[in-house]
């Protein structure tokens, strides 16, 4: 019984070490800008326009360019390893926006000419 307990502890320790190494590698593989974007996305914005102003101040890019960078970043497996909860939340938000946009689009039976 003691050997199986020791083996289980060794296995748990090696798994822990492996995840620490994977986390260190992923953090090093992500650029400083990528890490800053992920940290920025963790913030809560209470006022309209505050996030866009923060984007301009923090990164010196337009909101449109920031969201292009963010979209590519959250598709990166390295970002998922670095902060899985945040990346999955951002994926869910993106999917919800895409579904809402699809519901607003024209149905196959509607013609753009009938809308004129």
PDB file of N, CA and C in Angstrom:
ATOM      1  N   UNK A   1       0.832  -1.192   0.000  1.00  0.00           N
ATOM      2  CA  UNK A   1       0.000   0.000   0.000  1.00  0.00           C
ATOM      3  C   UNK A   1       0.877   1.257   0.000  1.00  0.00           C
ATOM      4  N   UNK A   2       1.973   1.209   0.707  1.00  0.00           N
ATOM      5  CA  UNK A   2       2.830   2.362   0.791  1.00  0.00           C
ATOM      6  C   UNK A   2       3.473   2.662  -0.561  1.00  0.00           C
ATOM      7  N   UNK A   3       3.833   1.617  -1.329  1.00  0.00           N
ATOM      8  CA  UNK A   3       4.438   1.828  -2.642  1.00  0.00           C
ATOM      9  C   UNK A   3       3.453   2.469  -3.607  1.00  0.00           C
ATOM     10  N   UNK A   4       2.184   2.041  -3.580  1.00  0.00           N
ATOM     11  CA  UNK A   4       1.199   2.626  -4.492  1.00  0.00           C
ATOM     12  C   UNK A   4       0.919   4.084  -4.129  1.00  0.00           C
ATOM     13  N   UNK A   5       0.934   4.386  -2.837  1.00  0.00           N
ATOM     14  CA  UNK A   5       0.735   5.769  -2.411  1.00  0.00           C
ATOM     15  C   UNK A   5       1.911   6.630  -2.867  1.00  0.00           C
ATOM     16  N   UNK A   6       3.140   6.107  -2.738  1.00  0.00           N
ATOM     17  CA  UNK A   6       4.330   6.832  -3.167  1.00  0.00           C
ATOM     18  C   UNK A   6       4.307   7.025  -4.676  1.00  0.00           C
ATOM     19  N   UNK A   7       3.891   6.003  -5.418  1.00  0.00           N
ATOM     20  CA  UNK A   7       3.809   6.109  -6.875  1.00  0.00           C
ATOM     21  C   UNK A   7       2.784   7.156  -7.284  1.00  0.00           C
ATOM     22  N   UNK A   8       1.648   7.199  -6.587  1.00  0.00           N
ATOM     23  CA  UNK A   8       0.615   8.190  -6.888  1.00  0.00           C
ATOM     24  C   UNK A   8       1.133   9.597  -6.606  1.00  0.00           C
ATOM     25  N   UNK A   9       1.867   9.767  -5.507  1.00  0.00           N
ATOM     26  CA  UNK A   9       2.421  11.081  -5.196  1.00  0.00           C
ATOM     27  C   UNK A   9       3.453  11.509  -6.229  1.00  0.00           C
ATOM     28  N   UNK A  10       4.302  10.564  -6.664  1.00  0.00           N
ATOM     29  CA  UNK A  10       5.300  10.875  -7.687  1.00  0.00           C
ATOM     30  C   UNK A  10       4.639  11.253  -9.001  1.00  0.00           C
ATOM     31  N   UNK A  11       3.561  10.530  -9.351  1.00  0.00           N
ATOM     32  CA  UNK A  11       2.836  10.830 -10.582  1.00  0.00           C
ATOM     33  C   UNK A  11       2.208  12.218 -10.521  1.00  0.00           C
ATOM     34  N   UNK A  12       1.604  12.547  -9.382  1.00  0.00           N
ATOM     35  CA  UNK A  12       0.983  13.859  -9.213  1.00  0.00           C
ATOM     36  C   UNK A  12       2.045  14.960  -9.263  1.00  0.00           C
ATOM     37  N   UNK A  13       3.204  14.708  -8.678  1.00  0.00           N
ATOM     38  CA  UNK A  13       4.281  15.693  -8.684  1.00  0.00           C
ATOM     39  C   UNK A  13       4.811  15.909 -10.106  1.00  0.00           C
ATOM     40  N   UNK A  14       4.972  14.813 -10.863  1.00  0.00           N
ATOM     41  CA  UNK A  14       5.479  14.976 -12.228  1.00  0.00           C
ATOM     42  C   UNK A  14       4.456  15.685 -13.106  1.00  0.00           C
ATOM     43  N   UNK A  15       3.159  15.434 -12.878  1.00  0.00           N
ATOM     44  CA  UNK A  15       2.123  16.146 -13.627  1.00  0.00           C
ATOM     45  C   UNK A  15       2.160  17.626 -13.289  1.00  0.00           C
ATOM     46  N   UNK A  16       2.331  17.919 -12.011  1.00  0.00           N
ATOM     47  CA  UNK A  16       2.412  19.317 -11.571  1.00  0.00           C
ATOM     48  C   UNK A  16       3.620  19.996 -12.207  1.00  0.00           C
ATOM     49  N   UNK A  17       4.772  19.324 -12.197  1.00  0.00           N
ATOM     50  CA  UNK A  17       5.980  19.880 -12.806  1.00  0.00           C
ATOM     51  C   UNK A  17       5.782  20.096 -14.297  1.00  0.00           C
ATOM     52  N   UNK A  18       5.136  19.133 -14.973  1.00  0.00           N
ATOM     53  CA  UNK A  18       4.892  19.258 -16.408  1.00  0.00           C
ATOM     54  C   UNK A  18       4.013  20.441 -16.726  1.00  0.00           C
ATOM     55  N   UNK A  19       2.976  20.676 -15.928  1.00  0.00           N
ATOM     56  CA  UNK A  19       2.099  21.815 -16.186  1.00  0.00           C
ATOM     57  C   UNK A  19       2.802  23.129 -15.878  1.00  0.00           C
ATOM     58  N   UNK A  20       3.687  23.129 -14.880  1.00  0.00           N
ATOM     59  CA  UNK A  20       4.446  24.348 -14.599  1.00  0.00           C
ATOM     60  C   UNK A  20       5.387  24.667 -15.747  1.00  0.00           C
ATOM     61  N   UNK A  21       6.031  23.635 -16.291  1.00  0.00           N
ATOM     62  CA  UNK A  21       6.931  23.843 -17.417  1.00  0.00           C
ATOM     63  C   UNK A  21       6.144  24.317 -18.627  1.00  0.00           C
ATOM     64  N   UNK A  22       4.990  23.696 -18.893  1.00  0.00           N
ATOM     65  CA  UNK A  22       4.165  24.118 -20.036  1.00  0.00           C
ATOM     66  C   UNK A  22       3.728  25.561 -19.865  1.00  0.00           C
ATOM     67  N   UNK A  23       3.358  25.945 -18.649  1.00  0.00           N
ATOM     68  CA  UNK A  23       2.954  27.327 -18.396  1.00  0.00           C
ATOM     69  C   UNK A  23       4.103  28.292 -18.606  1.00  0.00           C
ATOM     70  N   UNK A  24       5.295  27.889 -18.180  1.00  0.00           N
ATOM     71  CA  UNK A  24       6.457  28.762 -18.359  1.00  0.00           C
ATOM     72  C   UNK A  24       6.794  28.907 -19.830  1.00  0.00           C
ATOM     73  N   UNK A  25       6.733  27.813 -20.574  1.00  0.00           N
ATOM     74  CA  UNK A  25       7.038  27.864 -22.006  1.00  0.00           C
ATOM     75  C   UNK A  25       6.024  28.733 -22.731  1.00  0.00           C
ATOM     76  N   UNK A  26       4.737  28.556 -22.402  1.00  0.00           N
ATOM     77  CA  UNK A  26       3.713  29.325 -23.112  1.00  0.00           C
ATOM     78  C   UNK A  26       3.827  30.808 -22.800  1.00  0.00           C
ATOM     79  N   UNK A  27       4.150  31.140 -21.547  1.00  0.00           N
ATOM     80  CA  UNK A  27       4.287  32.545 -21.196  1.00  0.00           C
ATOM     81  C   UNK A  27       5.477  33.160 -21.916  1.00  0.00           C
ATOM     82  N   UNK A  28       6.555  32.387 -22.078  1.00  0.00           N
ATOM     83  CA  UNK A  28       7.721  32.897 -22.774  1.00  0.00           C
ATOM     84  C   UNK A  28       7.461  32.985 -24.281  1.00  0.00           C
ATOM     85  N   UNK A  29       6.633  32.102 -24.811  1.00  0.00           N
ATOM     86  CA  UNK A  29       6.370  32.094 -26.240  1.00  0.00           C
ATOM     87  C   UNK A  29       5.435  33.234 -26.634  1.00  0.00           C
ATOM     88  N   UNK A  30       4.582  33.655 -25.728  1.00  0.00           N
ATOM     89  CA  UNK A  30       3.712  34.795 -26.020  1.00  0.00           C
ATOM     90  C   UNK A  30       4.544  36.068 -25.900  1.00  0.00           C
ATOM     91  N   UNK A  31       4.312  36.996 -26.807  1.00  0.00           N
ATOM     92  CA  UNK A  31       5.051  38.257 -26.754  1.00  0.00           C
ATOM     93  C   UNK A  31       4.560  39.099 -25.571  1.00  0.00           C
ATOM     94  N   UNK A  32       5.333  40.115 -25.253  1.00  0.00           N
ATOM     95  CA  UNK A  32       4.918  41.020 -24.181  1.00  0.00           C
ATOM     96  C   UNK A  32       3.604  41.704 -24.541  1.00  0.00           C
ATOM     97  N   UNK A  33       3.435  42.040 -25.816  1.00  0.00           N
ATOM     98  CA  UNK A  33       2.190  42.673 -26.257  1.00  0.00           C
ATOM     99  C   UNK A  33       1.014  41.714 -26.083  1.00  0.00           C
ATOM    100  N   UNK A  34       1.218  40.432 -26.430  1.00  0.00           N
ATOM    101  CA  UNK A  34       0.150  39.442 -26.260  1.00  0.00           C
ATOM    102  C   UNK A  34      -0.238  39.307 -24.792  1.00  0.00           C
ATOM    103  N   UNK A  35       0.751  39.253 -23.923  1.00  0.00           N
ATOM    104  CA  UNK A  35       0.471  39.156 -22.484  1.00  0.00           C
ATOM    105  C   UNK A  35      -0.247  40.411 -21.995  1.00  0.00           C
ATOM    106  N   UNK A  36       0.148  41.572 -22.527  1.00  0.00           N
ATOM    107  CA  UNK A  36      -0.503  42.827 -22.131  1.00  0.00           C
ATOM    108  C   UNK A  36      -1.954  42.855 -22.606  1.00  0.00           C
ATOM    109  N   UNK A  37      -2.207  42.336 -23.801  1.00  0.00           N
ATOM    110  CA  UNK A  37      -3.581  42.287 -24.319  1.00  0.00           C
ATOM    111  C   UNK A  37      -4.441  41.384 -23.442  1.00  0.00           C
ATOM    112  N   UNK A  38      -3.915  40.220 -23.072  1.00  0.00           N
ATOM    113  CA  UNK A  38      -4.681  39.321 -22.205  1.00  0.00           C
ATOM    114  C   UNK A  38      -4.949  39.969 -20.852  1.00  0.00           C
ATOM    115  N   UNK A  39      -3.964  40.639 -20.301  1.00  0.00           N
ATOM    116  CA  UNK A  39      -4.158  41.330 -19.015  1.00  0.00           C
ATOM    117  C   UNK A  39      -5.194  42.438 -19.163  1.00  0.00           C
ATOM    118  N   UNK A  40      -5.140  43.154 -20.265  1.00  0.00           N
ATOM    119  CA  UNK A  40      -6.087  44.237 -20.533  1.00  0.00           C
ATOM    120  C   UNK A  40      -7.509  43.692 -20.616  1.00  0.00           C
ATOM    121  N   UNK A  41      -7.678  42.526 -21.229  1.00  0.00           N
ATOM    122  CA  UNK A  41      -9.006  41.925 -21.376  1.00  0.00           C
ATOM    123  C   UNK A  41      -9.582  41.445 -20.050  1.00  0.00           C
ATOM    124  N   UNK A  42      -8.751  41.236 -19.053  1.00  0.00           N
ATOM    125  CA  UNK A  42      -9.251  40.826 -17.736  1.00  0.00           C
ATOM    126  C   UNK A  42      -9.917  41.975 -16.992  1.00  0.00           C
ATOM    127  N   UNK A  43      -9.666  43.200 -17.420  1.00  0.00           N
ATOM    128  CA  UNK A  43     -10.235  44.360 -16.735  1.00  0.00           C
ATOM    129  C   UNK A  43     -11.728  44.487 -17.016  1.00  0.00           C
ATOM    130  N   UNK A  44     -12.425  45.149 -16.099  1.00  0.00           N
ATOM    131  CA  UNK A  44     -13.856  45.420 -16.253  1.00  0.00           C
ATOM    132  C   UNK A  44     -14.022  46.894 -16.596  1.00  0.00           C
ATOM    133  N   UNK A  45     -14.811  47.181 -17.625  1.00  0.00           N
ATOM    134  CA  UNK A  45     -15.028  48.553 -18.086  1.00  0.00           C
ATOM    135  C   UNK A  45     -16.452  48.959 -17.762  1.00  0.00           C
ATOM    136  N   UNK A  46     -16.607  50.014 -17.009  1.00  0.00           N
ATOM    137  CA  UNK A  46     -17.919  50.422 -16.523  1.00  0.00           C
ATOM    138  C   UNK A  46     -18.574  51.520 -17.359  1.00  0.00           C
ATOM    139  N   UNK A  47     -17.792  52.281 -18.110  1.00  0.00           N
ATOM    140  CA  UNK A  47     -18.358  53.406 -18.863  1.00  0.00           C
ATOM    141  C   UNK A  47     -18.189  53.199 -20.359  1.00  0.00           C
ATOM    142  N   UNK A  48     -19.180  53.635 -21.115  1.00  0.00           N
ATOM    143  CA  UNK A  48     -19.114  53.532 -22.568  1.00  0.00           C
ATOM    144  C   UNK A  48     -17.925  54.328 -23.087  1.00  0.00           C
ATOM    145  N   UNK A  49     -17.169  53.725 -23.953  1.00  0.00           N
ATOM    146  CA  UNK A  49     -16.025  54.399 -24.547  1.00  0.00           C
ATOM    147  C   UNK A  49     -14.750  54.320 -23.739  1.00  0.00           C
ATOM    148  N   UNK A  50     -14.829  53.894 -22.485  1.00  0.00           N
ATOM    149  CA  UNK A  50     -13.637  53.847 -21.639  1.00  0.00           C
ATOM    150  C   UNK A  50     -12.643  52.811 -22.152  1.00  0.00           C
ATOM    151  N   UNK A  51     -13.145  51.669 -22.606  1.00  0.00           N
ATOM    152  CA  UNK A  51     -12.249  50.630 -23.090  1.00  0.00           C
ATOM    153  C   UNK A  51     -11.540  51.089 -24.356  1.00  0.00           C
ATOM    154  N   UNK A  52     -12.275  51.739 -25.266  1.00  0.00           N
ATOM    155  CA  UNK A  52     -11.662  52.213 -26.507  1.00  0.00           C
ATOM    156  C   UNK A  52     -10.577  53.248 -26.219  1.00  0.00           C
ATOM    157  N   UNK A  53     -10.840  54.131 -25.255  1.00  0.00           N
ATOM    158  CA  UNK A  53      -9.824  55.111 -24.857  1.00  0.00           C
ATOM    159  C   UNK A  53      -8.619  54.406 -24.239  1.00  0.00           C
ATOM    160  N   UNK A  54      -8.881  53.388 -23.445  1.00  0.00           N
ATOM    161  CA  UNK A  54      -7.797  52.602 -22.840  1.00  0.00           C
ATOM    162  C   UNK A  54      -6.966  51.884 -23.882  1.00  0.00           C
ATOM    163  N   UNK A  55      -7.625  51.385 -24.919  1.00  0.00           N
ATOM    164  CA  UNK A  55      -6.915  50.715 -26.011  1.00  0.00           C
ATOM    165  C   UNK A  55      -5.956  51.689 -26.682  1.00  0.00           C
ATOM    166  N   UNK A  56      -6.468  52.879 -26.981  1.00  0.00           N
ATOM    167  CA  UNK A  56      -5.638  53.895 -27.642  1.00  0.00           C
ATOM    168  C   UNK A  56      -4.461  54.294 -26.740  1.00  0.00           C
ATOM    169  N   UNK A  57      -4.722  54.502 -25.449  1.00  0.00           N
ATOM    170  CA  UNK A  57      -3.665  54.919 -24.522  1.00  0.00           C
ATOM    171  C   UNK A  57      -2.637  53.819 -24.287  1.00  0.00           C
ATOM    172  N   UNK A  58      -3.124  52.602 -24.073  1.00  0.00           N
ATOM    173  CA  UNK A  58      -2.246  51.491 -23.695  1.00  0.00           C
ATOM    174  C   UNK A  58      -1.446  50.942 -24.872  1.00  0.00           C
ATOM    175  N   UNK A  59      -2.101  50.794 -26.025  1.00  0.00           N
ATOM    176  CA  UNK A  59      -1.463  50.110 -27.150  1.00  0.00           C
ATOM    177  C   UNK A  59      -1.160  51.013 -28.339  1.00  0.00           C
ATOM    178  N   UNK A  60      -1.749  52.201 -28.371  1.00  0.00           N
ATOM    179  CA  UNK A  60      -1.479  53.124 -29.457  1.00  0.00           C
ATOM    180  C   UNK A  60      -2.025  52.675 -30.798  1.00  0.00           C
ATOM    181  N   UNK A  61      -3.106  51.888 -30.769  1.00  0.00           N
ATOM    182  CA  UNK A  61      -3.744  51.432 -32.014  1.00  0.00           C
ATOM    183  C   UNK A  61      -5.234  51.731 -31.933  1.00  0.00           C
ATOM    184  N   UNK A  62      -5.894  51.659 -33.079  1.00  0.00           N
ATOM    185  CA  UNK A  62      -7.340  51.859 -33.087  1.00  0.00           C
ATOM    186  C   UNK A  62      -8.026  50.649 -32.453  1.00  0.00           C
ATOM    187  N   UNK A  63      -9.263  50.836 -32.066  1.00  0.00           N
ATOM    188  CA  UNK A  63     -10.033  49.730 -31.487  1.00  0.00           C
ATOM    189  C   UNK A  63     -10.187  48.599 -32.501  1.00  0.00           C
ATOM    190  N   UNK A  64     -10.390  48.949 -33.769  1.00  0.00           N
ATOM    191  CA  UNK A  64     -10.545  47.918 -34.804  1.00  0.00           C
ATOM    192  C   UNK A  64      -9.289  47.056 -34.902  1.00  0.00           C
ATOM    193  N   UNK A  65      -8.123  47.686 -34.903  1.00  0.00           N
ATOM    194  CA  UNK A  65      -6.864  46.933 -34.994  1.00  0.00           C
ATOM    195  C   UNK A  65      -6.653  46.098 -33.735  1.00  0.00           C
ATOM    196  N   UNK A  66      -6.991  46.646 -32.579  1.00  0.00           N
ATOM    197  CA  UNK A  66      -6.867  45.903 -31.327  1.00  0.00           C
ATOM    198  C   UNK A  66      -7.701  44.627 -31.372  1.00  0.00           C
ATOM    199  N   UNK A  67      -8.932  44.741 -31.858  1.00  0.00           N
ATOM    200  CA  UNK A  67      -9.794  43.561 -31.893  1.00  0.00           C
ATOM    201  C   UNK A  67      -9.330  42.551 -32.933  1.00  0.00           C
ATOM    202  N   UNK A  68      -8.650  43.008 -33.997  1.00  0.00           N
ATOM    203  CA  UNK A  68      -8.030  42.066 -34.925  1.00  0.00           C
ATOM    204  C   UNK A  68      -6.916  41.292 -34.220  1.00  0.00           C
ATOM    205  N   UNK A  69      -6.084  42.012 -33.482  1.00  0.00           N
ATOM    206  CA  UNK A  69      -5.000  41.375 -32.734  1.00  0.00           C
ATOM    207  C   UNK A  69      -5.554  40.408 -31.682  1.00  0.00           C
ATOM    208  N   UNK A  70      -6.587  40.840 -30.982  1.00  0.00           N
ATOM    209  CA  UNK A  70      -7.200  39.998 -29.951  1.00  0.00           C
ATOM    210  C   UNK A  70      -7.783  38.731 -30.557  1.00  0.00           C
ATOM    211  N   UNK A  71      -8.471  38.869 -31.695  1.00  0.00           N
ATOM    212  CA  UNK A  71      -9.059  37.700 -32.348  1.00  0.00           C
ATOM    213  C   UNK A  71      -8.010  36.669 -32.732  1.00  0.00           C
ATOM    214  N   UNK A  72      -6.905  37.129 -33.279  1.00  0.00           N
ATOM    215  CA  UNK A  72      -5.823  36.200 -33.634  1.00  0.00           C
ATOM    216  C   UNK A  72      -5.203  35.595 -32.375  1.00  0.00           C
ATOM    217  N   UNK A  73      -5.070  36.393 -31.341  1.00  0.00           N
ATOM    218  CA  UNK A  73      -4.461  35.920 -30.102  1.00  0.00           C
ATOM    219  C   UNK A  73      -5.294  34.829 -29.442  1.00  0.00           C
ATOM    220  N   UNK A  74      -6.594  35.005 -29.364  1.00  0.00           N
ATOM    221  CA  UNK A  74      -7.412  33.996 -28.671  1.00  0.00           C
ATOM    222  C   UNK A  74      -7.537  32.714 -29.481  1.00  0.00           C
ATOM    223  N   UNK A  75      -7.168  32.759 -30.765  1.00  0.00           N
ATOM    224  CA  UNK A  75      -7.131  31.530 -31.561  1.00  0.00           C
ATOM    225  C   UNK A  75      -5.815  30.778 -31.373  1.00  0.00           C
ATOM    226  N   UNK A  76      -4.877  31.387 -30.666  1.00  0.00           N
ATOM    227  CA  UNK A  76      -3.568  30.775 -30.433  1.00  0.00           C
ATOM    228  C   UNK A  76      -3.632  29.752 -29.301  1.00  0.00           C
ATOM    229  N   UNK A  77      -3.109  28.557 -29.526  1.00  0.00           N
ATOM    230  CA  UNK A  77      -3.058  27.570 -28.438  1.00  0.00           C
ATOM    231  C   UNK A  77      -2.216  28.050 -27.260  1.00  0.00           C
ATOM    232  N   UNK A  78      -1.237  28.894 -27.523  1.00  0.00           N
ATOM    233  CA  UNK A  78      -0.402  29.413 -26.440  1.00  0.00           C
ATOM    234  C   UNK A  78      -1.211  30.287 -25.490  1.00  0.00           C
ATOM    235  N   UNK A  79      -2.115  31.083 -26.037  1.00  0.00           N
ATOM    236  CA  UNK A  79      -2.970  31.918 -25.197  1.00  0.00           C
ATOM    237  C   UNK A  79      -3.899  31.044 -24.363  1.00  0.00           C
ATOM    238  N   UNK A  80      -4.399  29.972 -24.966  1.00  0.00           N
ATOM    239  CA  UNK A  80      -5.285  29.065 -24.234  1.00  0.00           C
ATOM    240  C   UNK A  80      -4.551  28.411 -23.074  1.00  0.00           C
ATOM    241  N   UNK A  81      -3.311  28.037 -23.276  1.00  0.00           N
ATOM    242  CA  UNK A  81      -2.518  27.440 -22.198  1.00  0.00           C
ATOM    243  C   UNK A  81      -2.225  28.479 -21.121  1.00  0.00           C
ATOM    244  N   UNK A  82      -1.945  29.715 -21.546  1.00  0.00           N
ATOM    245  CA  UNK A  82      -1.586  30.773 -20.593  1.00  0.00           C
ATOM    246  C   UNK A  82      -2.753  31.150 -19.679  1.00  0.00           C
ATOM    247  N   UNK A  83      -3.944  31.333 -20.250  1.00  0.00           N
ATOM    248  CA  UNK A  83      -5.111  31.748 -19.453  1.00  0.00           C
ATOM    249  C   UNK A  83      -6.372  31.115 -20.034  1.00  0.00           C
ATOM    250  N   UNK A  84      -6.597  29.838 -19.737  1.00  0.00           N
ATOM    251  CA  UNK A  84      -7.716  29.123 -20.365  1.00  0.00           C
ATOM    252  C   UNK A  84      -9.090  29.711 -20.057  1.00  0.00           C
ATOM    253  N   UNK A  85      -9.309  30.168 -18.842  1.00  0.00           N
ATOM    254  CA  UNK A  85     -10.634  30.698 -18.504  1.00  0.00           C
ATOM    255  C   UNK A  85     -10.938  31.963 -19.296  1.00  0.00           C
ATOM    256  N   UNK A  86      -9.985  32.859 -19.387  1.00  0.00           N
ATOM    257  CA  UNK A  86     -10.177  34.097 -20.136  1.00  0.00           C
ATOM    258  C   UNK A  86     -10.379  33.817 -21.615  1.00  0.00           C
ATOM    259  N   UNK A  87      -9.539  32.978 -22.190  1.00  0.00           N
ATOM    260  CA  UNK A  87      -9.626  32.689 -23.622  1.00  0.00           C
ATOM    261  C   UNK A  87     -10.954  32.008 -23.951  1.00  0.00           C
ATOM    262  N   UNK A  88     -11.385  31.083 -23.132  1.00  0.00           N
ATOM    263  CA  UNK A  88     -12.675  30.418 -23.379  1.00  0.00           C
ATOM    264  C   UNK A  88     -13.832  31.403 -23.246  1.00  0.00           C
ATOM    265  N   UNK A  89     -13.739  32.324 -22.289  1.00  0.00           N
ATOM    266  CA  UNK A  89     -14.787  33.345 -22.146  1.00  0.00           C
ATOM    267  C   UNK A  89     -14.830  34.239 -23.381  1.00  0.00           C
ATOM    268  N   UNK A  90     -13.669  34.629 -23.870  1.00  0.00           N
ATOM    269  CA  UNK A  90     -13.621  35.459 -25.075  1.00  0.00           C
ATOM    270  C   UNK A  90     -14.139  34.705 -26.295  1.00  0.00           C
ATOM    271  N   UNK A  91     -13.874  33.397 -26.372  1.00  0.00           N
ATOM    272  CA  UNK A  91     -14.438  32.580 -27.458  1.00  0.00           C
ATOM    273  C   UNK A  91     -15.957  32.574 -27.392  1.00  0.00           C
ATOM    274  N   UNK A  92     -16.499  32.401 -26.172  1.00  0.00           N
ATOM    275  CA  UNK A  92     -17.960  32.384 -26.019  1.00  0.00           C
ATOM    276  C   UNK A  92     -18.570  33.714 -26.436  1.00  0.00           C
ATOM    277  N   UNK A  93     -17.939  34.819 -26.036  1.00  0.00           N
ATOM    278  CA  UNK A  93     -18.452  36.138 -26.416  1.00  0.00           C
ATOM    279  C   UNK A  93     -18.410  36.325 -27.927  1.00  0.00           C
ATOM    280  N   UNK A  94     -17.332  35.890 -28.560  1.00  0.00           N
ATOM    281  CA  UNK A  94     -17.223  36.010 -30.015  1.00  0.00           C
ATOM    282  C   UNK A  94     -18.299  35.184 -30.710  1.00  0.00           C
ATOM    283  N   UNK A  95     -18.506  33.967 -30.236  1.00  0.00           N
ATOM    284  CA  UNK A  95     -19.541  33.108 -30.830  1.00  0.00           C
ATOM    285  C   UNK A  95     -20.931  33.730 -30.677  1.00  0.00           C
ATOM    286  N   UNK A  96     -21.203  34.314 -29.526  1.00  0.00           N
ATOM    287  CA  UNK A  96     -22.506  34.953 -29.303  1.00  0.00           C
ATOM    288  C   UNK A  96     -22.697  36.125 -30.260  1.00  0.00           C
ATOM    289  N   UNK A  97     -21.645  36.916 -30.482  1.00  0.00           N
ATOM    290  CA  UNK A  97     -21.738  38.033 -31.437  1.00  0.00           C
ATOM    291  C   UNK A  97     -21.957  37.531 -32.850  1.00  0.00           C
ATOM    292  N   UNK A  98     -21.263  36.454 -33.229  1.00  0.00           N
ATOM    293  CA  UNK A  98     -21.428  35.896 -34.569  1.00  0.00           C
ATOM    294  C   UNK A  98     -22.844  35.359 -34.783  1.00  0.00           C
ATOM    295  N   UNK A  99     -23.383  34.704 -33.764  1.00  0.00           N
ATOM    296  CA  UNK A  99     -24.748  34.183 -33.867  1.00  0.00           C
ATOM    297  C   UNK A  99     -25.752  35.322 -33.969  1.00  0.00           C
ATOM    298  N   UNK A 100     -25.563  36.372 -33.189  1.00  0.00           N
ATOM    299  CA  UNK A 100     -26.471  37.525 -33.245  1.00  0.00           C
ATOM    300  C   UNK A 100     -26.396  38.187 -34.620  1.00  0.00           C
ATOM    301  N   UNK A 101     -25.207  38.284 -35.171  1.00  0.00           N
ATOM    302  CA  UNK A 101     -25.038  38.877 -36.495  1.00  0.00           C
ATOM    303  C   UNK A 101     -25.716  38.008 -37.561  1.00  0.00           C
ATOM    304  N   UNK A 102     -25.612  36.716 -37.423  1.00  0.00           N
ATOM    305  CA  UNK A 102     -26.237  35.802 -38.385  1.00  0.00           C
ATOM    306  C   UNK A 102     -27.759  35.913 -38.320  1.00  0.00           C
ATOM    307  N   UNK A 103     -28.307  36.103 -37.133  1.00  0.00           N
ATOM    308  CA  UNK A 103     -29.762  36.247 -36.999  1.00  0.00           C
ATOM    309  C   UNK A 103     -30.250  37.543 -37.641  1.00  0.00           C
ATOM    310  N   UNK A 104     -29.407  38.575 -37.648  1.00  0.00           N
ATOM    311  CA  UNK A 104     -29.797  39.855 -38.241  1.00  0.00           C
ATOM    312  C   UNK A 104     -29.656  39.868 -39.758  1.00  0.00           C
ATOM    313  N   UNK A 105     -28.906  38.931 -40.299  1.00  0.00           N
ATOM    314  CA  UNK A 105     -28.653  38.952 -41.743  1.00  0.00           C
ATOM    315  C   UNK A 105     -29.908  38.540 -42.507  1.00  0.00           C
ATOM    316  N   UNK A 106     -29.862  38.747 -43.784  1.00  0.00           N
ATOM    317  CA  UNK A 106     -31.012  38.415 -44.638  1.00  0.00           C
ATOM    318  C   UNK A 106     -31.270  36.921 -44.647  1.00  0.00           C
ATOM    319  N   UNK A 107     -32.523  36.555 -44.665  1.00  0.00           N
ATOM    320  CA  UNK A 107     -32.871  35.147 -44.816  1.00  0.00           C
ATOM    321  C   UNK A 107     -32.784  34.783 -46.284  1.00  0.00           C
ATOM    322  N   UNK A 108     -32.658  33.513 -46.630  1.00  0.00           N
ATOM    323  CA  UNK A 108     -32.520  33.129 -48.038  1.00  0.00           C
ATOM    324  C   UNK A 108     -33.715  33.522 -48.905  1.00  0.00           C
ATOM    325  N   UNK A 109     -34.901  33.679 -48.324  1.00  0.00           N
ATOM    326  CA  UNK A 109     -36.082  34.023 -49.129  1.00  0.00           C
ATOM    327  C   UNK A 109     -36.195  35.513 -49.381  1.00  0.00           C
ATOM    328  N   UNK A 110     -35.488  36.321 -48.617  1.00  0.00           N
ATOM    329  CA  UNK A 110     -35.545  37.772 -48.817  1.00  0.00           C
ATOM    330  C   UNK A 110     -34.569  38.184 -49.900  1.00  0.00           C
ATOM    331  N   UNK A 111     -34.956  39.142 -50.651  1.00  0.00           N
ATOM    332  CA  UNK A 111     -34.099  39.688 -51.674  1.00  0.00           C
ATOM    333  C   UNK A 111     -33.733  41.109 -51.265  1.00  0.00           C
ATOM    334  N   UNK A 112     -32.470  41.499 -51.478  1.00  0.00           N
ATOM    335  CA  UNK A 112     -32.108  42.885 -51.143  1.00  0.00           C
ATOM    336  C   UNK A 112     -32.937  43.906 -51.922  1.00  0.00           C
ATOM    337  N   UNK A 113     -33.437  43.533 -53.092  1.00  0.00           N
ATOM    338  CA  UNK A 113     -34.219  44.460 -53.891  1.00  0.00           C
ATOM    339  C   UNK A 113     -35.594  44.738 -53.260  1.00  0.00           C
ATOM    340  N   UNK A 114     -36.150  43.775 -52.531  1.00  0.00           N
ATOM    341  CA  UNK A 114     -37.449  43.981 -51.895  1.00  0.00           C
ATOM    342  C   UNK A 114     -37.358  44.936 -50.718  1.00  0.00           C
ATOM    343  N   UNK A 115     -36.141  45.140 -50.218  1.00  0.00           N
ATOM    344  CA  UNK A 115     -35.944  46.026 -49.077  1.00  0.00           C
ATOM    345  C   UNK A 115     -35.881  47.497 -49.496  1.00  0.00           C
ATOM    346  N   UNK A 116     -35.750  47.749 -50.802  1.00  0.00           N
ATOM    347  CA  UNK A 116     -35.621  49.132 -51.272  1.00  0.00           C
ATOM    348  C   UNK A 116     -36.910  49.866 -51.262  1.00  0.00           C
TER     349      UNK A 116
END
